[in-house]
Amino acid sequence: MKRGFTLIEVLLAIAILSLLFLAMSSVLANIKMSTTIFAKKYQKDKDYLVKVLYYDLLNSKSIKILKTVNPDIDRLIIKTSNSLYKLINPTVIWYISKHKNSLIRIEGFKSFPFESEFIDKFDENVEIFKIYNKKNRYFIYIKGKKKVAFEIFI
């Protein structure tokens, strides 16, 4: 009857555990690397949202802010020369859709409603999309996954 482990069994168990720890450390390193990549992408997406909205406003010919039933959400209609799809002087609408409260940008030739125009989703779960206007100063505040606030003088 065998009462203990042999030296070979102990060495084999140590070798298997060391391989397991080695594999787990590489998995943790990969998780850390993907977390940093997603954090950079998140910041890049936030910067892209600000950049597109900023250039829409900066290159605008006319800006119309429409109030909705919800006091925290506005709709922005801009006649601009900024186009993501190489349209000439498109009308751009920024609004919050009912599906997942997504911040949507629609670009097309005519005013709302569009038929088959270019639609981009910039953010989800947006609670607040407010545009404050005083003369030629605009303050934009967006609260969703990404919090964005900036002011522009036109």
Foldseek 3Di string as FASTA:
>chain_A
DDDDDDPVVVVVVVVVVVVVVVVVVVVVVVVVVVVVVVVVVVVVLVVVVCVQVVQQLVFFPDWDWAADPDNQWIKIWTQGCDDPVPDGRWIWIWGQDPVQRWTKIWTDHDDPDDDDTDMDTRFGQWDGWDWDDDPQKIWTFIDGPDTDIDIDGD
